[in-house]
């Protein structure tokens, strides 16, 4: 099994207006984005070419909005190792990995 192109744990995954998990996982592997619960159950997944993601102007630095299979999810990516600004770095790494995996520049 290959190592994932991107993986983040401890991610809060919300589908407006409800939180689905506060300790989920976002994973990009083999050309697919998967949103997982803290127990490893799949919330949603799709090929990265079909996923839209970005950081809206009104979102916090550690938040990203991703549309997977037509459903909008708010992902709060916190990097506990880097303190306050770590979430924005993790969020940026997620968006860059998604673009790379989809072949977009």
Protein backbone atom coordinates (compact mmCIF):
# COMPACT_ATOMS: atom_id res chain seq x y z
CA UNK A 1 0.00 0.00 0.00
CA UNK A 2 1.44 3.36 -1.05
CA UNK A 3 1.82 6.25 1.32
CA UNK A 4 -0.94 8.88 0.94
CA UNK A 5 -0.13 12.11 -0.88
CA UNK A 6 -1.77 14.03 1.99
CA UNK A 7 -3.13 12.96 5.34
CA UNK A 8 -4.32 15.05 8.27
CA UNK A 9 -5.83 13.77 11.50
CA UNK A 10 -7.78 15.64 14.13
CA UNK A 11 -9.78 17.42 11.45
CA UNK A 12 -13.19 18.85 12.28
CA UNK A 13 -15.52 17.93 9.43
CA UNK A 14 -18.85 19.77 9.27
CA UNK A 15 -21.70 19.72 6.80
CA UNK A 16 -23.70 22.88 7.30
CA UNK A 17 -25.00 23.41 9.94
CA UNK A 18 -23.97 20.19 11.66
CA UNK A 19 -20.59 18.86 12.78
CA UNK A 20 -19.98 15.29 11.63
CA UNK A 21 -16.76 14.69 13.57
CA UNK A 22 -14.27 16.70 15.58
CA UNK A 23 -11.38 14.28 15.16
CA UNK A 24 -11.72 13.04 11.59
CA UNK A 25 -9.16 12.44 8.90
CA UNK A 26 -8.70 13.92 5.44
CA UNK A 27 -6.72 11.73 3.09
CA UNK A 28 -5.63 12.01 -0.55
CA UNK A 29 -4.49 8.65 -1.85
CA UNK A 30 -4.45 7.01 -5.29
CA UNK A 31 -6.17 9.99 -6.90
CA UNK A 32 -9.08 10.06 -4.42
CA UNK A 33 -10.01 12.37 -1.58
CA UNK A 34 -11.54 10.59 1.40
CA UNK A 35 -13.16 12.15 4.46
CA UNK A 36 -13.08 9.73 7.38
CA UNK A 37 -14.51 9.71 10.90
CA UNK A 38 -12.28 9.24 13.93
CA UNK A 39 -13.12 5.52 13.77
CA UNK A 40 -12.02 5.26 10.13
CA UNK A 41 -15.51 5.04 8.63
CA UNK A 42 -15.88 6.85 5.34
CA UNK A 43 -18.04 9.97 5.38
CA UNK A 44 -17.55 10.73 1.69
CA UNK A 45 -14.99 10.22 -1.07
CA UNK A 46 -14.51 11.17 -4.70
CA UNK A 47 -11.81 11.36 -7.37
CA UNK A 48 -9.73 14.50 -6.81
CA UNK A 49 -10.61 15.72 -10.31
CA UNK A 50 -14.26 15.98 -9.17
CA UNK A 51 -13.51 17.81 -5.88
CA UNK A 52 -13.66 21.60 -5.56
CA UNK A 53 -11.89 23.17 -2.61
CA UNK A 54 -10.82 26.59 -1.49
CA UNK A 55 -10.58 29.01 1.36
CA UNK A 56 -13.42 31.57 1.32
CA UNK A 57 -12.72 35.12 2.40
CA UNK A 58 -14.92 34.76 5.49
CA UNK A 59 -13.26 31.56 6.76
CA UNK A 60 -10.62 31.37 9.48
CA UNK A 61 -7.05 30.64 8.44
CA UNK A 62 -7.33 26.96 9.36
CA UNK A 63 -10.65 26.39 7.54
CA UNK A 64 -11.22 25.10 4.04
CA UNK A 65 -14.45 24.42 2.19
CA UNK A 66 -14.53 21.34 -0.04
CA UNK A 67 -17.34 20.19 -2.32
CA UNK A 68 -17.34 16.40 -2.58
CA UNK A 69 -20.05 14.71 -4.68
CA UNK A 70 -22.10 17.90 -4.59
CA UNK A 71 -22.00 18.19 -0.78
CA UNK A 72 -20.18 21.11 0.84
CA UNK A 73 -18.01 20.31 3.84
CA UNK A 74 -16.19 22.72 6.13
CA UNK A 75 -12.82 21.28 7.11
CA UNK A 76 -10.97 22.74 10.08
CA UNK A 77 -7.39 21.57 9.68
CA UNK A 78 -5.44 22.20 12.86
CA UNK A 79 -1.75 21.47 13.19
CA UNK A 80 -1.19 21.01 16.91
CA UNK A 81 2.61 20.86 16.49
CA UNK A 82 2.95 24.39 15.14
CA UNK A 83 0.71 26.32 17.49
CA UNK A 84 -1.51 29.14 16.36
CA UNK A 85 -0.49 29.47 12.68
CA UNK A 86 -0.12 25.75 12.06
CA UNK A 87 -3.68 25.33 10.81
CA UNK A 88 -3.19 27.78 7.97
CA UNK A 89 -0.06 25.89 6.92
CA UNK A 90 -1.90 22.56 6.99
CA UNK A 91 -4.81 24.08 5.09
CA UNK A 92 -2.40 25.39 2.44
CA UNK A 93 -0.68 22.00 2.18
CA UNK A 94 -4.09 20.35 1.69
CA UNK A 95 -5.06 22.70 -1.14
CA UNK A 96 -1.65 22.29 -2.81
CA UNK A 97 -1.80 18.48 -2.54
CA UNK A 98 -5.30 18.48 -4.01
CA UNK A 99 -4.15 20.55 -7.00
CA UNK A 100 -1.09 18.34 -7.51
CA UNK A 101 -3.14 15.14 -7.36
CA UNK A 102 -5.67 16.52 -9.84
CA UNK A 103 -2.91 17.67 -12.19
CA UNK A 104 -3.94 21.32 -11.96
CA UNK A 105 -1.37 24.07 -11.59
